[in-house]
Amino acid sequence: MSEGLMKMWVALSSIGLMFIAVFSIMFSRSKLSGIIQVIVSIFAWLCMITAGILILIVVLSGPVKG
């Protein structure tokens, strides 16, 4: 697998993590309460932080040669 294709999959997976984070935080705020809400919110934040780190790695690694 080429480096460009690998970077594409990493970026796509981080976008997926962002969608999971958004929908889980919306679900936890509207439907849940108590400790379950806190757990789902922490999961959403972890997904968002992971996605941000992955996107940062893809962007800072620069363009792919050839």
C-alpha atoms as a PDB file:
ATOM      1  CA  MET A   1       0.000   0.000   0.000  1.00  0.00           C
ATOM      2  CA  SER A   2       1.408   3.376  -0.973  1.00  0.00           C
ATOM      3  CA  GLU A   3       2.061   6.166   1.510  1.00  0.00           C
ATOM      4  CA  GLY A   4      -0.628   8.373  -0.036  1.00  0.00           C
ATOM      5  CA  LEU A   5      -3.246   5.641   0.225  1.00  0.00           C
ATOM      6  CA  MET A   6      -2.283   4.983   3.825  1.00  0.00           C
ATOM      7  CA  LYS A   7      -2.645   8.673   4.683  1.00  0.00           C
ATOM      8  CA  MET A   8      -6.052   8.683   2.986  1.00  0.00           C
ATOM      9  CA  TRP A   9      -7.277   5.799   5.172  1.00  0.00           C
ATOM     10  CA  VAL A  10      -5.954   7.457   8.333  1.00  0.00           C
ATOM     11  CA  ALA A  11      -7.725  10.716   7.438  1.00  0.00           C
ATOM     12  CA  LEU A  12     -10.938   8.872   6.570  1.00  0.00           C
ATOM     13  CA  SER A  13     -10.888   6.960   9.840  1.00  0.00           C
ATOM     14  CA  SER A  14     -10.378  10.168  11.790  1.00  0.00           C
ATOM     15  CA  ILE A  15     -13.371  11.722  10.023  1.00  0.00           C
ATOM     16  CA  GLY A  16     -15.358   8.641  11.043  1.00  0.00           C
ATOM     17  CA  LEU A  17     -14.218   9.095  14.640  1.00  0.00           C
ATOM     18  CA  MET A  18     -15.435  12.690  14.515  1.00  0.00           C
ATOM     19  CA  PHE A  19     -18.881  11.567  13.340  1.00  0.00           C
ATOM     20  CA  ILE A  20     -19.024   8.961  16.112  1.00  0.00           C
ATOM     21  CA  ALA A  21     -18.068  11.624  18.642  1.00  0.00           C
ATOM     22  CA  VAL A  22     -20.707  14.073  17.437  1.00  0.00           C
ATOM     23  CA  PHE A  23     -23.531  11.542  17.409  1.00  0.00           C
ATOM     24  CA  SER A  24     -22.587  10.017  20.756  1.00  0.00           C
ATOM     25  CA  ILE A  25     -22.432  13.416  22.467  1.00  0.00           C
ATOM     26  CA  MET A  26     -25.807  14.368  20.974  1.00  0.00           C
ATOM     27  CA  PHE A  27     -27.267  11.051  22.140  1.00  0.00           C
ATOM     28  CA  SER A  28     -25.823  11.355  25.625  1.00  0.00           C
ATOM     29  CA  ARG A  29     -27.125  14.884  26.123  1.00  0.00           C
ATOM     30  CA  SER A  30     -30.636  14.193  24.850  1.00  0.00           C
ATOM     31  CA  LYS A  31     -31.434  10.626  25.956  1.00  0.00           C
ATOM     32  CA  LEU A  32     -29.146   9.628  28.809  1.00  0.00           C
ATOM     33  CA  SER A  33     -28.605  10.717  32.396  1.00  0.00           C
ATOM     34  CA  GLY A  34     -26.396   9.861  35.308  1.00  0.00           C
ATOM     35  CA  ILE A  35     -23.202   7.862  35.093  1.00  0.00           C
ATOM     36  CA  ILE A  36     -24.064   6.450  31.656  1.00  0.00           C
ATOM     37  CA  GLN A  37     -24.169   9.994  30.272  1.00  0.00           C
ATOM     38  CA  VAL A  38     -20.726  10.699  31.727  1.00  0.00           C
ATOM     39  CA  ILE A  39     -19.285   7.488  30.281  1.00  0.00           C
ATOM     40  CA  VAL A  40     -20.664   8.187  26.795  1.00  0.00           C
ATOM     41  CA  SER A  41     -19.445  11.786  26.965  1.00  0.00           C
ATOM     42  CA  ILE A  42     -15.941  10.666  27.941  1.00  0.00           C
ATOM     43  CA  PHE A  43     -16.000   8.182  25.051  1.00  0.00           C
ATOM     44  CA  ALA A  44     -17.005  11.003  22.689  1.00  0.00           C
ATOM     45  CA  TRP A  45     -14.190  13.232  23.922  1.00  0.00           C
ATOM     46  CA  LEU A  46     -11.668  10.431  23.522  1.00  0.00           C
ATOM     47  CA  CYS A  47     -12.858   9.854  19.950  1.00  0.00           C
ATOM     48  CA  MET A  48     -12.552  13.560  19.175  1.00  0.00           C
ATOM     49  CA  ILE A  49      -9.079  13.861  20.694  1.00  0.00           C
ATOM     50  CA  THR A  50      -7.883  10.765  18.813  1.00  0.00           C
ATOM     51  CA  ALA A  51      -9.308  12.111  15.565  1.00  0.00           C
ATOM     52  CA  GLY A  52      -7.607  15.453  16.106  1.00  0.00           C
ATOM     53  CA  ILE A  53      -4.240  13.824  16.729  1.00  0.00           C
ATOM     54  CA  LEU A  54      -4.595  11.655  13.614  1.00  0.00           C
ATOM     55  CA  ILE A  55      -5.535  14.616  11.423  1.00  0.00           C
ATOM     56  CA  LEU A  56      -2.633  16.600  12.862  1.00  0.00           C
ATOM     57  CA  ILE A  57      -0.243  13.784  11.957  1.00  0.00           C
ATOM     58  CA  VAL A  58      -1.604  13.591   8.404  1.00  0.00           C
ATOM     59  CA  VAL A  59      -1.407  17.346   7.877  1.00  0.00           C
ATOM     60  CA  LEU A  60       2.039  17.833   9.395  1.00  0.00           C
ATOM     61  CA  SER A  61       3.571  14.892   7.528  1.00  0.00           C
ATOM     62  CA  GLY A  62       3.403  16.905   4.323  1.00  0.00           C
ATOM     63  CA  PRO A  63       2.732  15.940   0.747  1.00  0.00           C
ATOM     64  CA  VAL A  64       3.437  12.503  -0.678  1.00  0.00           C
ATOM     65  CA  LYS A  65       6.097  12.058  -3.357  1.00  0.00           C
ATOM     66  CA  GLY A  66       5.031  10.458  -6.580  1.00  0.00           C
END
